[in-house]
């Protein structure tokens, strides 16, 4: 089932465990799952859990990196593209805040995402 589990990349460890239990409950008593297959499935479960923990750690590291980048820009003047489009604007970063789970720079009344920055002037 290791190859089947790798094809189910969108499932979490809870769903994987439910599938494993359902498989054990519904297996043919005359042809049970071999020890090797069962150990393979448990190893796959451990891998899925490890990858989920690693992804969560990377997400936290990315947030910290974005916060640090934003804080480093406080007091500096940047050129940026407004969210609503139009000509580039310039302004001094006064603070870093969150909006919809992402860090944004406060420039006057504008909220500027890190991806909108064109250049840092000073």
Protein backbone atom coordinates (compact mmCIF):
# COMPACT_ATOMS: atom_id res chain seq x y z
CA UNK A 1 0.00 0.00 0.00
CA UNK A 2 3.03 2.31 0.17
CA UNK A 3 2.62 3.21 -3.48
CA UNK A 4 -1.10 3.79 -3.02
CA UNK A 5 -0.46 6.01 0.01
CA UNK A 6 2.05 8.08 -1.93
CA UNK A 7 -0.67 8.72 -4.51
CA UNK A 8 -2.93 10.08 -1.77
CA UNK A 9 -0.78 13.10 -0.90
CA UNK A 10 -3.80 15.22 0.09
CA UNK A 11 -4.82 13.08 3.06
CA UNK A 12 -3.72 13.66 6.63
CA UNK A 13 -2.46 11.18 9.17
CA UNK A 14 -5.94 10.78 10.71
CA UNK A 15 -7.47 9.78 7.38
CA UNK A 16 -4.52 7.50 6.64
CA UNK A 17 -4.96 5.79 10.01
CA UNK A 18 -8.70 5.37 9.35
CA UNK A 19 -7.92 3.77 5.99
CA UNK A 20 -5.43 1.43 7.64
CA UNK A 21 -7.93 0.38 10.33
CA UNK A 22 -10.66 -0.13 7.71
CA UNK A 23 -8.28 -2.26 5.67
CA UNK A 24 -7.47 -4.41 8.70
CA UNK A 25 -11.14 -4.78 9.62
CA UNK A 26 -12.12 -5.79 6.10
CA UNK A 27 -9.20 -7.99 5.16
CA UNK A 28 -9.72 -11.52 3.91
CA UNK A 29 -9.04 -13.90 6.84
CA UNK A 30 -7.69 -16.46 4.37
CA UNK A 31 -5.25 -13.92 2.91
CA UNK A 32 -4.30 -11.47 5.71
CA UNK A 33 -1.95 -8.53 5.30
CA UNK A 34 1.64 -9.72 5.60
CA UNK A 35 3.95 -8.44 8.34
CA UNK A 36 6.06 -6.64 5.74
CA UNK A 37 3.04 -4.85 4.27
CA UNK A 38 1.83 -3.82 7.72
CA UNK A 39 5.28 -2.48 8.71
CA UNK A 40 5.43 -0.64 5.37
CA UNK A 41 2.08 1.01 6.09
CA UNK A 42 3.15 2.05 9.60
CA UNK A 43 6.38 3.48 8.19
CA UNK A 44 4.33 5.44 5.66
CA UNK A 45 2.14 6.77 8.47
CA UNK A 46 5.25 7.91 10.37
CA UNK A 47 6.54 9.60 7.20
CA UNK A 48 3.23 11.42 6.70
CA UNK A 49 3.28 12.67 10.29
CA UNK A 50 6.91 13.76 9.99
CA UNK A 51 6.21 15.68 6.80
CA UNK A 52 3.23 17.44 8.38
CA UNK A 53 5.38 18.54 11.33
CA UNK A 54 8.13 19.69 8.96
CA UNK A 55 5.64 21.70 6.89
CA UNK A 56 4.31 23.38 10.04
CA UNK A 57 7.87 24.26 11.09
CA UNK A 58 8.65 25.73 7.67
CA UNK A 59 5.46 27.79 7.76
CA UNK A 60 6.45 29.26 11.13
CA UNK A 61 9.98 29.98 9.91
CA UNK A 62 8.56 31.76 6.85
CA UNK A 63 6.33 33.93 9.04
CA UNK A 64 9.29 34.84 11.25
CA UNK A 65 11.39 35.70 8.19
CA UNK A 66 8.63 37.92 6.77
CA UNK A 67 8.21 39.67 10.13
CA UNK A 68 11.95 40.28 10.39
CA UNK A 69 12.08 41.67 6.84
CA UNK A 70 9.17 43.97 7.60
CA UNK A 71 10.64 45.21 10.88
CA UNK A 72 13.94 45.98 9.14
CA UNK A 73 12.04 48.37 6.85
CA UNK A 74 10.47 50.48 9.64
CA UNK A 75 11.63 54.09 9.23
CA UNK A 76 12.79 53.53 5.66
CA UNK A 77 11.26 55.02 2.53
CA UNK A 78 10.13 52.52 -0.07
CA UNK A 79 8.68 52.66 -3.57
CA UNK A 80 5.73 50.33 -4.00
CA UNK A 81 2.90 49.37 -6.31
CA UNK A 82 -0.50 50.14 -4.75
CA UNK A 83 -2.89 47.24 -4.24
CA UNK A 84 -5.55 48.91 -6.36
CA UNK A 85 -3.04 49.43 -9.19
CA UNK A 86 -1.97 52.67 -10.78
CA UNK A 87 1.33 54.52 -10.59
CA UNK A 88 4.02 53.57 -8.11
CA UNK A 89 3.97 55.38 -4.81
CA UNK A 90 6.60 56.23 -2.24
CA UNK A 91 6.34 56.50 1.53
CA UNK A 92 7.97 55.88 4.88
CA UNK A 93 7.20 52.60 6.66
CA UNK A 94 5.73 53.35 10.10
CA UNK A 95 4.80 49.86 11.31
CA UNK A 96 4.33 46.19 10.46
CA UNK A 97 0.97 44.55 10.99
CA UNK A 98 -0.96 41.50 9.81
CA UNK A 99 -3.79 41.44 7.32
CA UNK A 100 -5.53 38.21 6.34
CA UNK A 101 -2.69 36.16 7.84
CA UNK A 102 0.09 37.99 5.97
CA UNK A 103 2.46 40.68 7.16
CA UNK A 104 1.94 44.13 5.64
CA UNK A 105 3.78 47.41 5.99
CA UNK A 106 1.87 50.47 7.17
CA UNK A 107 2.67 53.50 4.99
CA UNK A 108 0.30 56.30 5.83
CA UNK A 109 -3.14 54.80 5.30
CA UNK A 110 -1.83 52.20 2.82
CA UNK A 111 -1.20 48.57 3.71
CA UNK A 112 1.63 47.28 1.53
CA UNK A 113 2.52 43.62 1.15
CA UNK A 114 6.19 42.67 0.89
CA UNK A 115 5.60 41.52 -2.71
CA UNK A 116 4.47 45.04 -3.68
CA UNK A 117 7.80 46.67 -2.83
CA UNK A 118 9.73 47.86 -5.87
CA UNK A 119 12.72 49.43 -4.11
CA UNK A 120 13.99 50.71 -0.79
CA UNK A 121 15.18 54.31 -0.99
CA UNK A 122 16.68 54.87 2.48
